[in-house]
Amino acid sequence: LETLLAGQLPDGWDNHLPRKEAGQPGAEPETARASSGHVLNAVAG
């Protein structure tokens, strides 16, 4: 609550944002809206 009221974000909130590498599994073409959905859920956690 203190973090929320200060208008800040939790430490490490972005440590688990999805990151992909070309040629690796999961690197196939994807819609930007679908990519955003994955990021949304990572941030929501």
PDB file of all heavy atoms in Angstrom:
ATOM      1  N   LEU A   1       0.826  -1.205   0.000  1.00  0.00           N
ATOM      2  CA  LEU A   1       0.000   0.000   0.000  1.00  0.00           C
ATOM      3  C   LEU A   1       0.860   1.254   0.000  1.00  0.00           C
ATOM      4  O   LEU A   1       0.549   2.241  -0.685  1.00  0.00           O
ATOM      5  CB  LEU A   1      -0.939  -0.020   1.203  1.00  0.00           C
ATOM      6  CG  LEU A   1      -1.873   1.184   1.363  1.00  0.00           C
ATOM      7  CD1 LEU A   1      -2.759   1.354   0.130  1.00  0.00           C
ATOM      8  CD2 LEU A   1      -2.726   1.026   2.620  1.00  0.00           C
ATOM      9  N   GLU A   2       1.940   1.229   0.729  1.00  0.00           N
ATOM     10  CA  GLU A   2       2.836   2.381   0.770  1.00  0.00           C
ATOM     11  C   GLU A   2       3.407   2.669  -0.619  1.00  0.00           C
ATOM     12  O   GLU A   2       3.501   3.833  -1.038  1.00  0.00           O
ATOM     13  CB  GLU A   2       3.964   2.123   1.767  1.00  0.00           C
ATOM     14  CG  GLU A   2       4.827   3.331   2.058  1.00  0.00           C
ATOM     15  CD  GLU A   2       5.805   3.078   3.188  1.00  0.00           C
ATOM     16  OE1 GLU A   2       6.189   1.903   3.395  1.00  0.00           O
ATOM     17  OE2 GLU A   2       6.188   4.036   3.869  1.00  0.00           O
ATOM     18  N   THR A   3       3.760   1.616  -1.348  1.00  0.00           N
ATOM     19  CA  THR A   3       4.273   1.786  -2.711  1.00  0.00           C
ATOM     20  C   THR A   3       3.203   2.362  -3.619  1.00  0.00           C
ATOM     21  O   THR A   3       3.450   3.274  -4.417  1.00  0.00           O
ATOM     22  CB  THR A   3       4.765   0.440  -3.264  1.00  0.00           C
ATOM     23  OG1 THR A   3       5.780  -0.087  -2.409  1.00  0.00           O
ATOM     24  CG2 THR A   3       5.337   0.606  -4.667  1.00  0.00           C
ATOM     25  N   LEU A   4       1.995   1.841  -3.495  1.00  0.00           N
ATOM     26  CA  LEU A   4       0.879   2.326  -4.306  1.00  0.00           C
ATOM     27  C   LEU A   4       0.623   3.808  -4.052  1.00  0.00           C
ATOM     28  O   LEU A   4       0.506   4.609  -4.998  1.00  0.00           O
ATOM     29  CB  LEU A   4      -0.366   1.497  -3.998  1.00  0.00           C
ATOM     30  CG  LEU A   4      -1.661   1.767  -4.767  1.00  0.00           C
ATOM     31  CD1 LEU A   4      -2.563   0.532  -4.708  1.00  0.00           C
ATOM     32  CD2 LEU A   4      -2.445   2.964  -4.233  1.00  0.00           C
ATOM     33  N   LEU A   5       0.516   4.178  -2.780  1.00  0.00           N
ATOM     34  CA  LEU A   5       0.192   5.563  -2.439  1.00  0.00           C
ATOM     35  C   LEU A   5       1.295   6.524  -2.840  1.00  0.00           C
ATOM     36  O   LEU A   5       1.042   7.709  -3.077  1.00  0.00           O
ATOM     37  CB  LEU A   5      -0.097   5.678  -0.939  1.00  0.00           C
ATOM     38  CG  LEU A   5      -1.341   4.933  -0.434  1.00  0.00           C
ATOM     39  CD1 LEU A   5      -1.478   5.082   1.074  1.00  0.00           C
ATOM     40  CD2 LEU A   5      -2.597   5.447  -1.141  1.00  0.00           C
ATOM     41  N   ALA A   6       2.522   6.023  -2.955  1.00  0.00           N
ATOM     42  CA  ALA A   6       3.638   6.871  -3.371  1.00  0.00           C
ATOM     43  C   ALA A   6       3.713   7.013  -4.892  1.00  0.00           C
ATOM     44  O   ALA A   6       4.576   7.735  -5.403  1.00  0.00           O
ATOM     45  CB  ALA A   6       4.951   6.300  -2.833  1.00  0.00           C
ATOM     46  N   GLY A   7       2.827   6.315  -5.601  1.00  0.00           N
ATOM     47  CA  GLY A   7       2.844   6.378  -7.057  1.00  0.00           C
ATOM     48  C   GLY A   7       4.015   5.652  -7.671  1.00  0.00           C
ATOM     49  O   GLY A   7       4.428   5.955  -8.803  1.00  0.00           O
ATOM     50  N   GLN A   8       4.552   4.667  -6.957  1.00  0.00           N
ATOM     51  CA  GLN A   8       5.712   3.927  -7.431  1.00  0.00           C
ATOM     52  C   GLN A   8       5.304   2.519  -7.873  1.00  0.00           C
ATOM     53  O   GLN A   8       4.136   2.127  -7.762  1.00  0.00           O
ATOM     54  CB  GLN A   8       6.768   3.869  -6.324  1.00  0.00           C
ATOM     55  CG  GLN A   8       7.269   5.230  -5.886  1.00  0.00           C
ATOM     56  CD  GLN A   8       8.190   5.162  -4.673  1.00  0.00           C
ATOM     57  OE1 GLN A   8       8.362   4.110  -4.062  1.00  0.00           O
ATOM     58  NE2 GLN A   8       8.789   6.287  -4.324  1.00  0.00           N
ATOM     59  N   LEU A   9       6.280   1.766  -8.355  1.00  0.00           N
ATOM     60  CA  LEU A   9       6.067   0.382  -8.758  1.00  0.00           C
ATOM     61  C   LEU A   9       6.910  -0.540  -7.888  1.00  0.00           C
ATOM     62  O   LEU A   9       7.955  -0.118  -7.369  1.00  0.00           O
ATOM     63  CB  LEU A   9       6.456   0.191 -10.225  1.00  0.00           C
ATOM     64  CG  LEU A   9       5.624   0.963 -11.253  1.00  0.00           C
ATOM     65  CD1 LEU A   9       6.258   0.853 -12.636  1.00  0.00           C
ATOM     66  CD2 LEU A   9       4.186   0.453 -11.282  1.00  0.00           C
ATOM     67  N   PRO A  10       6.493  -1.775  -7.697  1.00  0.00           N
ATOM     68  CA  PRO A  10       7.279  -2.707  -6.872  1.00  0.00           C
ATOM     69  C   PRO A  10       8.665  -2.925  -7.456  1.00  0.00           C
ATOM     70  O   PRO A  10       8.860  -2.880  -8.682  1.00  0.00           O
ATOM     71  CB  PRO A  10       6.454  -3.999  -6.907  1.00  0.00           C
ATOM     72  CG  PRO A  10       5.079  -3.582  -7.296  1.00  0.00           C
ATOM     73  CD  PRO A  10       5.251  -2.395  -8.198  1.00  0.00           C
ATOM     74  N   ASP A  11       9.640  -3.154  -6.592  1.00  0.00           N
ATOM     75  CA  ASP A  11      10.992  -3.484  -7.061  1.00  0.00           C
ATOM     76  C   ASP A  11      10.941  -4.722  -7.951  1.00  0.00           C
ATOM     77  O   ASP A  11      10.283  -5.717  -7.622  1.00  0.00           O
ATOM     78  CB  ASP A  11      11.920  -3.741  -5.873  1.00  0.00           C
ATOM     79  CG  ASP A  11      12.194  -2.482  -5.058  1.00  0.00           C
ATOM     80  OD1 ASP A  11      12.011  -1.381  -5.614  1.00  0.00           O
ATOM     81  OD2 ASP A  11      12.579  -2.600  -3.882  1.00  0.00           O
ATOM     82  N   GLY A  12      11.656  -4.646  -9.066  1.00  0.00           N
ATOM     83  CA  GLY A  12      11.730  -5.793  -9.961  1.00  0.00           C
ATOM     84  C   GLY A  12      10.462  -6.086 -10.729  1.00  0.00           C
ATOM     85  O   GLY A  12      10.312  -7.185 -11.269  1.00  0.00           O
ATOM     86  N   TRP A  13       9.584  -5.117 -10.821  1.00  0.00           N
ATOM     87  CA  TRP A  13       8.301  -5.364 -11.492  1.00  0.00           C
ATOM     88  C   TRP A  13       8.479  -5.791 -12.956  1.00  0.00           C
ATOM     89  O   TRP A  13       7.646  -6.505 -13.499  1.00  0.00           O
ATOM     90  CB  TRP A  13       7.425  -4.109 -11.433  1.00  0.00           C
ATOM     91  CG  TRP A  13       7.939  -2.999 -12.315  1.00  0.00           C
ATOM     92  CD1 TRP A  13       8.840  -2.051 -11.994  1.00  0.00           C
ATOM     93  CD2 TRP A  13       7.610  -2.788 -13.692  1.00  0.00           C
ATOM     94  NE1 TRP A  13       9.097  -1.229 -13.059  1.00  0.00           N
ATOM     95  CE2 TRP A  13       8.354  -1.660 -14.121  1.00  0.00           C
ATOM     96  CE3 TRP A  13       6.773  -3.422 -14.600  1.00  0.00           C
ATOM     97  CZ2 TRP A  13       8.277  -1.169 -15.429  1.00  0.00           C
ATOM     98  CZ3 TRP A  13       6.688  -2.931 -15.899  1.00  0.00           C
ATOM     99  CH2 TRP A  13       7.432  -1.813 -16.299  1.00  0.00           C
ATOM    100  N   ASP A  14       9.586  -5.359 -13.580  1.00  0.00           N
ATOM    101  CA  ASP A  14       9.776  -5.650 -14.999  1.00  0.00           C
ATOM    102  C   ASP A  14      10.813  -6.748 -15.246  1.00  0.00           C
ATOM    103  O   ASP A  14      11.276  -6.920 -16.383  1.00  0.00           O
ATOM    104  CB  ASP A  14      10.183  -4.377 -15.743  1.00  0.00           C
ATOM    105  CG  ASP A  14      11.422  -3.717 -15.157  1.00  0.00           C
ATOM    106  OD1 ASP A  14      11.851  -4.125 -14.059  1.00  0.00           O
ATOM    107  OD2 ASP A  14      11.946  -2.784 -15.790  1.00  0.00           O
ATOM    108  N   ASN A  15      11.166  -7.490 -14.214  1.00  0.00           N
ATOM    109  CA  ASN A  15      12.179  -8.537 -14.384  1.00  0.00           C
ATOM    110  C   ASN A  15      11.715  -9.687 -15.277  1.00  0.00           C
ATOM    111  O   ASN A  15      12.546 -10.424 -15.822  1.00  0.00           O
ATOM    112  CB  ASN A  15      12.598  -9.105 -13.023  1.00  0.00           C
ATOM    113  CG  ASN A  15      13.441  -8.123 -12.230  1.00  0.00           C
ATOM    114  OD1 ASN A  15      13.931  -7.131 -12.776  1.00  0.00           O
ATOM    115  ND2 ASN A  15      13.591  -8.375 -10.937  1.00  0.00           N
ATOM    116  N   HIS A  16      10.418  -9.859 -15.401  1.00  0.00           N
ATOM    117  CA  HIS A  16       9.907 -11.026 -16.120  1.00  0.00           C
ATOM    118  C   HIS A  16       9.154 -10.637 -17.395  1.00  0.00           C
ATOM    119  O   HIS A  16       8.334 -11.428 -17.879  1.00  0.00           O
ATOM    120  CB  HIS A  16       8.994 -11.841 -15.197  1.00  0.00           C
ATOM    121  CG  HIS A  16       9.673 -12.293 -13.935  1.00  0.00           C
ATOM    122  ND1 HIS A  16      10.629 -13.282 -13.920  1.00  0.00           N
ATOM    123  CD2 HIS A  16       9.544 -11.868 -12.651  1.00  0.00           C
ATOM    124  CE1 HIS A  16      11.065 -13.452 -12.679  1.00  0.00           C
ATOM    125  NE2 HIS A  16      10.425 -12.613 -11.889  1.00  0.00           N
ATOM    126  N   LEU A  17       9.455  -9.469 -17.933  1.00  0.00           N
ATOM    127  CA  LEU A  17       8.825  -9.115 -19.198  1.00  0.00           C
ATOM    128  C   LEU A  17       9.274 -10.091 -20.278  1.00  0.00           C
ATOM    129  O   LEU A  17      10.452 -10.446 -20.355  1.00  0.00           O
ATOM    130  CB  LEU A  17       9.208  -7.684 -19.600  1.00  0.00           C
ATOM    131  CG  LEU A  17       8.698  -6.553 -18.711  1.00  0.00           C
ATOM    132  CD1 LEU A  17       9.087  -5.200 -19.308  1.00  0.00           C
ATOM    133  CD2 LEU A  17       7.195  -6.627 -18.532  1.00  0.00           C
ATOM    134  N   PRO A  18       8.356 -10.534 -21.128  1.00  0.00           N
ATOM    135  CA  PRO A  18       8.729 -11.505 -22.166  1.00  0.00           C
ATOM    136  C   PRO A  18       9.828 -10.954 -23.081  1.00  0.00           C
ATOM    137  O   PRO A  18       9.827  -9.781 -23.460  1.00  0.00           O
ATOM    138  CB  PRO A  18       7.422 -11.698 -22.945  1.00  0.00           C
ATOM    139  CG  PRO A  18       6.347 -11.306 -21.996  1.00  0.00           C
ATOM    140  CD  PRO A  18       6.920 -10.217 -21.145  1.00  0.00           C
ATOM    141  N   ARG A  19      10.750 -11.829 -23.411  1.00  0.00           N
ATOM    142  CA  ARG A  19      11.813 -11.481 -24.343  1.00  0.00           C
ATOM    143  C   ARG A  19      12.056 -12.694 -25.236  1.00  0.00           C
ATOM    144  O   ARG A  19      12.207 -13.811 -24.749  1.00  0.00           O
ATOM    145  CB  ARG A  19      13.089 -11.104 -23.599  1.00  0.00           C
ATOM    146  CG  ARG A  19      14.241 -10.717 -24.519  1.00  0.00           C
ATOM    147  CD  ARG A  19      15.481 -10.371 -23.724  1.00  0.00           C
ATOM    148  NE  ARG A  19      16.596 -10.035 -24.612  1.00  0.00           N
ATOM    149  CZ  ARG A  19      17.824  -9.741 -24.176  1.00  0.00           C
ATOM    150  NH1 ARG A  19      18.074  -9.732 -22.872  1.00  0.00           N
ATOM    151  NH2 ARG A  19      18.774  -9.449 -25.037  1.00  0.00           N
ATOM    152  N   LYS A  20      12.106 -12.458 -26.531  1.00  0.00           N
ATOM    153  CA  LYS A  20      12.255 -13.557 -27.477  1.00  0.00           C
ATOM    154  C   LYS A  20      13.509 -13.353 -28.318  1.00  0.00           C
ATOM    155  O   LYS A  20      13.955 -12.224 -28.531  1.00  0.00           O
ATOM    156  CB  LYS A  20      11.024 -13.651 -28.378  1.00  0.00           C
ATOM    157  CG  LYS A  20       9.726 -13.942 -27.625  1.00  0.00           C
ATOM    158  CD  LYS A  20       8.561 -14.104 -28.577  1.00  0.00           C
ATOM    159  CE  LYS A  20       7.287 -14.453 -27.821  1.00  0.00           C
ATOM    160  NZ  LYS A  20       6.145 -14.681 -28.745  1.00  0.00           N
ATOM    161  N   GLU A  21      14.053 -14.465 -28.808  1.00  0.00           N
ATOM    162  CA  GLU A  21      15.218 -14.410 -29.682  1.00  0.00           C
ATOM    163  C   GLU A  21      14.905 -15.109 -30.990  1.00  0.00           C
ATOM    164  O   GLU A  21      14.349 -16.212 -31.006  1.00  0.00           O
ATOM    165  CB  GLU A  21      16.427 -15.080 -29.018  1.00  0.00           C
ATOM    166  CG  GLU A  21      16.972 -14.320 -27.829  1.00  0.00           C
ATOM    167  CD  GLU A  21      18.272 -14.896 -27.325  1.00  0.00           C
ATOM    168  OE1 GLU A  21      18.944 -15.614 -28.110  1.00  0.00           O
ATOM    169  OE2 GLU A  21      18.609 -14.645 -26.159  1.00  0.00           O
ATOM    170  N   ALA A  22      15.256 -14.440 -32.082  1.00  0.00           N
ATOM    171  CA  ALA A  22      15.022 -15.025 -33.399  1.00  0.00           C
ATOM    172  C   ALA A  22      15.726 -16.369 -33.516  1.00  0.00           C
ATOM    173  O   ALA A  22      16.851 -16.543 -33.044  1.00  0.00           O
ATOM    174  CB  ALA A  22      15.524 -14.067 -34.481  1.00  0.00           C
ATOM    175  N   GLY A  23      15.052 -17.325 -34.107  1.00  0.00           N
ATOM    176  CA  GLY A  23      15.619 -18.651 -34.293  1.00  0.00           C
ATOM    177  C   GLY A  23      15.433 -19.578 -33.126  1.00  0.00           C
ATOM    178  O   GLY A  23      15.736 -20.775 -33.221  1.00  0.00           O
ATOM    179  N   GLN A  24      14.933 -19.062 -32.007  1.00  0.00           N
ATOM    180  CA  GLN A  24      14.698 -19.885 -30.823  1.00  0.00           C
ATOM    181  C   GLN A  24      13.227 -20.282 -30.747  1.00  0.00           C
ATOM    182  O   GLN A  24      12.366 -19.680 -31.406  1.00  0.00           O
ATOM    183  CB  GLN A  24      15.106 -19.118 -29.562  1.00  0.00           C
ATOM    184  CG  GLN A  24      16.576 -18.725 -29.528  1.00  0.00           C
ATOM    185  CD  GLN A  24      17.495 -19.930 -29.545  1.00  0.00           C
ATOM    186  OE1 GLN A  24      17.299 -20.884 -28.805  1.00  0.00           O
ATOM    187  NE2 GLN A  24      18.504 -19.884 -30.423  1.00  0.00           N
ATOM    188  N   PRO A  25      12.896 -21.309 -29.952  1.00  0.00           N
ATOM    189  CA  PRO A  25      11.491 -21.697 -29.798  1.00  0.00           C
ATOM    190  C   PRO A  25      10.641 -20.508 -29.352  1.00  0.00           C
ATOM    191  O   PRO A  25      11.051 -19.713 -28.503  1.00  0.00           O
ATOM    192  CB  PRO A  25      11.545 -22.785 -28.718  1.00  0.00           C
ATOM    193  CG  PRO A  25      12.923 -23.364 -28.839  1.00  0.00           C
ATOM    194  CD  PRO A  25      13.810 -22.209 -29.213  1.00  0.00           C
ATOM    195  N   GLY A  26       9.464 -20.382 -29.928  1.00  0.00           N
ATOM    196  CA  GLY A  26       8.569 -19.286 -29.586  1.00  0.00           C
ATOM    197  C   GLY A  26       8.821 -18.018 -30.370  1.00  0.00           C
ATOM    198  O   GLY A  26       8.211 -16.985 -30.090  1.00  0.00           O
ATOM    199  N   ALA A  27       9.710 -18.090 -31.359  1.00  0.00           N
ATOM    200  CA  ALA A  27      10.075 -16.894 -32.117  1.00  0.00           C
ATOM    201  C   ALA A  27       9.255 -16.741 -33.392  1.00  0.00           C
ATOM    202  O   ALA A  27       9.576 -15.896 -34.222  1.00  0.00           O
ATOM    203  CB  ALA A  27      11.558 -16.925 -32.455  1.00  0.00           C
ATOM    204  N   GLU A  28       8.221 -17.523 -33.544  1.00  0.00           N
ATOM    205  CA  GLU A  28       7.424 -17.433 -34.757  1.00  0.00           C
ATOM    206  C   GLU A  28       6.665 -16.098 -34.785  1.00  0.00           C
ATOM    207  O   GLU A  28       6.471 -15.461 -33.750  1.00  0.00           O
ATOM    208  CB  GLU A  28       6.432 -18.592 -34.846  1.00  0.00           C
ATOM    209  CG  GLU A  28       5.424 -18.659 -33.708  1.00  0.00           C
ATOM    210  CD  GLU A  28       5.968 -19.368 -32.480  1.00  0.00           C
ATOM    211  OE1 GLU A  28       7.131 -19.844 -32.526  1.00  0.00           O
ATOM    212  OE2 GLU A  28       5.230 -19.439 -31.482  1.00  0.00           O
ATOM    213  N   PRO A  29       6.226 -15.656 -35.966  1.00  0.00           N
ATOM    214  CA  PRO A  29       5.474 -14.399 -36.055  1.00  0.00           C
ATOM    215  C   PRO A  29       4.265 -14.399 -35.118  1.00  0.00           C
ATOM    216  O   PRO A  29       3.615 -15.433 -34.907  1.00  0.00           O
ATOM    217  CB  PRO A  29       5.054 -14.344 -37.525  1.00  0.00           C
ATOM    218  CG  PRO A  29       6.112 -15.128 -38.239  1.00  0.00           C
ATOM    219  CD  PRO A  29       6.463 -16.252 -37.298  1.00  0.00           C
ATOM    220  N   GLU A  30       3.977 -13.225 -34.582  1.00  0.00           N
ATOM    221  CA  GLU A  30       2.902 -13.092 -33.610  1.00  0.00           C
ATOM    222  C   GLU A  30       2.278 -11.713 -33.756  1.00  0.00           C
ATOM    223  O   GLU A  30       2.966 -10.735 -34.062  1.00  0.00           O
ATOM    224  CB  GLU A  30       3.464 -13.263 -32.191  1.00  0.00           C
ATOM    225  CG  GLU A  30       2.430 -13.192 -31.089  1.00  0.00           C
ATOM    226  CD  GLU A  30       3.065 -13.434 -29.722  1.00  0.00           C
ATOM    227  OE1 GLU A  30       3.968 -12.655 -29.349  1.00  0.00           O
ATOM    228  OE2 GLU A  30       2.675 -14.399 -29.048  1.00  0.00           O
ATOM    229  N   THR A  31       0.978 -11.616 -33.539  1.00  0.00           N
ATOM    230  CA  THR A  31       0.335 -10.304 -33.602  1.00  0.00           C
ATOM    231  C   THR A  31       0.814  -9.448 -32.439  1.00  0.00           C
ATOM    232  O   THR A  31       1.103  -9.958 -31.348  1.00  0.00           O
ATOM    233  CB  THR A  31      -1.195 -10.427 -33.537  1.00  0.00           C
ATOM    234  OG1 THR A  31      -1.577 -10.874 -32.236  1.00  0.00           O
ATOM    235  CG2 THR A  31      -1.714 -11.393 -34.593  1.00  0.00           C
ATOM    236  N   ALA A  32       0.877  -8.156 -32.668  1.00  0.00           N
ATOM    237  CA  ALA A  32       1.300  -7.254 -31.594  1.00  0.00           C
ATOM    238  C   ALA A  32       0.306  -7.266 -30.444  1.00  0.00           C
ATOM    239  O   ALA A  32       0.672  -7.116 -29.279  1.00  0.00           O
ATOM    240  CB  ALA A  32       1.476  -5.840 -32.138  1.00  0.00           C
ATOM    241  N   ARG A  33      -0.977  -7.432 -30.750  1.00  0.00           N
ATOM    242  CA  ARG A  33      -1.970  -7.486 -29.666  1.00  0.00           C
ATOM    243  C   ARG A  33      -1.756  -8.719 -28.795  1.00  0.00           C
ATOM    244  O   ARG A  33      -1.908  -8.653 -27.570  1.00  0.00           O
ATOM    245  CB  ARG A  33      -3.386  -7.469 -30.244  1.00  0.00           C
ATOM    246  CG  ARG A  33      -3.676  -8.612 -31.210  1.00  0.00           C
ATOM    247  CD  ARG A  33      -5.133  -8.631 -31.652  1.00  0.00           C
ATOM    248  NE  ARG A  33      -5.362  -9.668 -32.644  1.00  0.00           N
ATOM    249  CZ  ARG A  33      -6.563 -10.070 -33.034  1.00  0.00           C
ATOM    250  NH1 ARG A  33      -7.639  -9.526 -32.504  1.00  0.00           N
ATOM    251  NH2 ARG A  33      -6.701 -11.012 -33.955  1.00  0.00           N
ATOM    252  N   ALA A  34      -1.395  -9.856 -29.415  1.00  0.00           N
ATOM    253  CA  ALA A  34      -1.117 -11.063 -28.632  1.00  0.00           C
ATOM    254  C   ALA A  34       0.138 -10.873 -27.795  1.00  0.00           C
ATOM    255  O   ALA A  34       0.184 -11.270 -26.617  1.00  0.00           O
ATOM    256  CB  ALA A  34      -0.971 -12.269 -29.553  1.00  0.00           C
ATOM    257  N   SER A  35       1.158 -10.259 -28.372  1.00  0.00           N
ATOM    258  CA  SER A  35       2.382  -9.978 -27.613  1.00  0.00           C
ATOM    259  C   SER A  35       2.063  -9.109 -26.411  1.00  0.00           C
ATOM    260  O   SER A  35       2.556  -9.334 -25.296  1.00  0.00           O
ATOM    261  CB  SER A  35       3.408  -9.273 -28.505  1.00  0.00           C
ATOM    262  OG  SER A  35       3.769 -10.065 -29.611  1.00  0.00           O
ATOM    263  N   SER A  36       1.217  -8.104 -26.618  1.00  0.00           N
ATOM    264  CA  SER A  36       0.831  -7.219 -25.519  1.00  0.00           C
ATOM    265  C   SER A  36       0.083  -7.984 -24.430  1.00  0.00           C
ATOM    266  O   SER A  36       0.270  -7.725 -23.234  1.00  0.00           O
ATOM    267  CB  SER A  36      -0.034  -6.083 -26.055  1.00  0.00           C
ATOM    268  OG  SER A  36      -0.490  -5.250 -25.020  1.00  0.00           O
ATOM    269  N   GLY A  37      -0.751  -8.928 -24.832  1.00  0.00           N
ATOM    270  CA  GLY A  37      -1.456  -9.735 -23.840  1.00  0.00           C
ATOM    271  C   GLY A  37      -0.514 -10.519 -22.958  1.00  0.00           C
ATOM    272  O   GLY A  37      -0.727 -10.635 -21.736  1.00  0.00           O
ATOM    273  N   HIS A  38       0.569 -11.039 -23.535  1.00  0.00           N
ATOM    274  CA  HIS A  38       1.562 -11.758 -22.737  1.00  0.00           C
ATOM    275  C   HIS A  38       2.255 -10.801 -21.756  1.00  0.00           C
ATOM    276  O   HIS A  38       2.479 -11.145 -20.587  1.00  0.00           O
ATOM    277  CB  HIS A  38       2.604 -12.404 -23.653  1.00  0.00           C
ATOM    278  CG  HIS A  38       2.050 -13.395 -24.617  1.00  0.00           C
ATOM    279  ND1 HIS A  38       1.042 -14.278 -24.286  1.00  0.00           N
ATOM    280  CD2 HIS A  38       2.359 -13.654 -25.930  1.00  0.00           C
ATOM    281  CE1 HIS A  38       0.752 -15.036 -25.336  1.00  0.00           C
ATOM    282  NE2 HIS A  38       1.536 -14.672 -26.340  1.00  0.00           N
ATOM    283  N   VAL A  39       2.591  -9.619 -22.239  1.00  0.00           N
ATOM    284  CA  VAL A  39       3.261  -8.650 -21.367  1.00  0.00           C
ATOM    285  C   VAL A  39       2.319  -8.196 -20.259  1.00  0.00           C
ATOM    286  O   VAL A  39       2.714  -8.078 -19.093  1.00  0.00           O
ATOM    287  CB  VAL A  39       3.761  -7.436 -22.174  1.00  0.00           C
ATOM    288  CG1 VAL A  39       4.504  -6.468 -21.251  1.00  0.00           C
ATOM    289  CG2 VAL A  39       4.669  -7.871 -23.308  1.00  0.00           C
ATOM    290  N   LEU A  40       1.073  -7.932 -20.622  1.00  0.00           N
ATOM    291  CA  LEU A  40       0.075  -7.529 -19.632  1.00  0.00           C
ATOM    292  C   LEU A  40       0.037  -8.511 -18.475  1.00  0.00           C
ATOM    293  O   LEU A  40       0.053  -8.114 -17.298  1.00  0.00           O
ATOM    294  CB  LEU A  40      -1.296  -7.433 -20.301  1.00  0.00           C
ATOM    295  CG  LEU A  40      -2.528  -7.420 -19.383  1.00  0.00           C
ATOM    296  CD1 LEU A  40      -2.524  -6.188 -18.498  1.00  0.00           C
ATOM    297  CD2 LEU A  40      -3.813  -7.486 -20.207  1.00  0.00           C
ATOM    298  N   ASN A  41       0.004  -9.782 -18.774  1.00  0.00           N
ATOM    299  CA  ASN A  41      -0.091 -10.774 -17.710  1.00  0.00           C
ATOM    300  C   ASN A  41       1.196 -10.875 -16.903  1.00  0.00           C
ATOM    301  O   ASN A  41       1.159 -11.138 -15.695  1.00  0.00           O
ATOM    302  CB  ASN A  41      -0.494 -12.122 -18.298  1.00  0.00           C
ATOM    303  CG  ASN A  41      -1.998 -12.227 -18.482  1.00  0.00           C
ATOM    304  OD1 ASN A  41      -2.726 -12.525 -17.545  1.00  0.00           O
ATOM    305  ND2 ASN A  41      -2.475 -11.943 -19.692  1.00  0.00           N
ATOM    306  N   ALA A  42       2.335 -10.632 -17.550  1.00  0.00           N
ATOM    307  CA  ALA A  42       3.592 -10.613 -16.803  1.00  0.00           C
ATOM    308  C   ALA A  42       3.624  -9.434 -15.831  1.00  0.00           C
ATOM    309  O   ALA A  42       4.047  -9.573 -14.673  1.00  0.00           O
ATOM    310  CB  ALA A  42       4.770 -10.538 -17.767  1.00  0.00           C
ATOM    311  N   VAL A  43       3.165  -8.276 -16.282  1.00  0.00           N
ATOM    312  CA  VAL A  43       3.145  -7.093 -15.419  1.00  0.00           C
ATOM    313  C   VAL A  43       2.104  -7.257 -14.318  1.00  0.00           C
ATOM    314  O   VAL A  43       2.339  -6.908 -13.153  1.00  0.00           O
ATOM    315  CB  VAL A  43       2.866  -5.831 -16.254  1.00  0.00           C
ATOM    316  CG1 VAL A  43       2.717  -4.604 -15.345  1.00  0.00           C
ATOM    317  CG2 VAL A  43       3.984  -5.593 -17.270  1.00  0.00           C
ATOM    318  N   ALA A  44       0.944  -7.794 -14.675  1.00  0.00           N
ATOM    319  CA  ALA A  44      -0.129  -7.963 -13.685  1.00  0.00           C
ATOM    320  C   ALA A  44       0.317  -8.821 -12.515  1.00  0.00           C
ATOM    321  O   ALA A  44      -0.107  -8.610 -11.372  1.00  0.00           O
ATOM    322  CB  ALA A  44      -1.353  -8.579 -14.348  1.00  0.00           C
ATOM    323  N   GLY A  45       1.193  -9.789 -12.774  1.00  0.00           N
ATOM    324  CA  GLY A  45       1.679 -10.641 -11.698  1.00  0.00           C
ATOM    325  C   GLY A  45       2.583  -9.923 -10.719  1.00  0.00           C
ATOM    326  O   GLY A  45       2.802 -10.411  -9.600  1.00  0.00           O
TER     327      GLY A  45
END
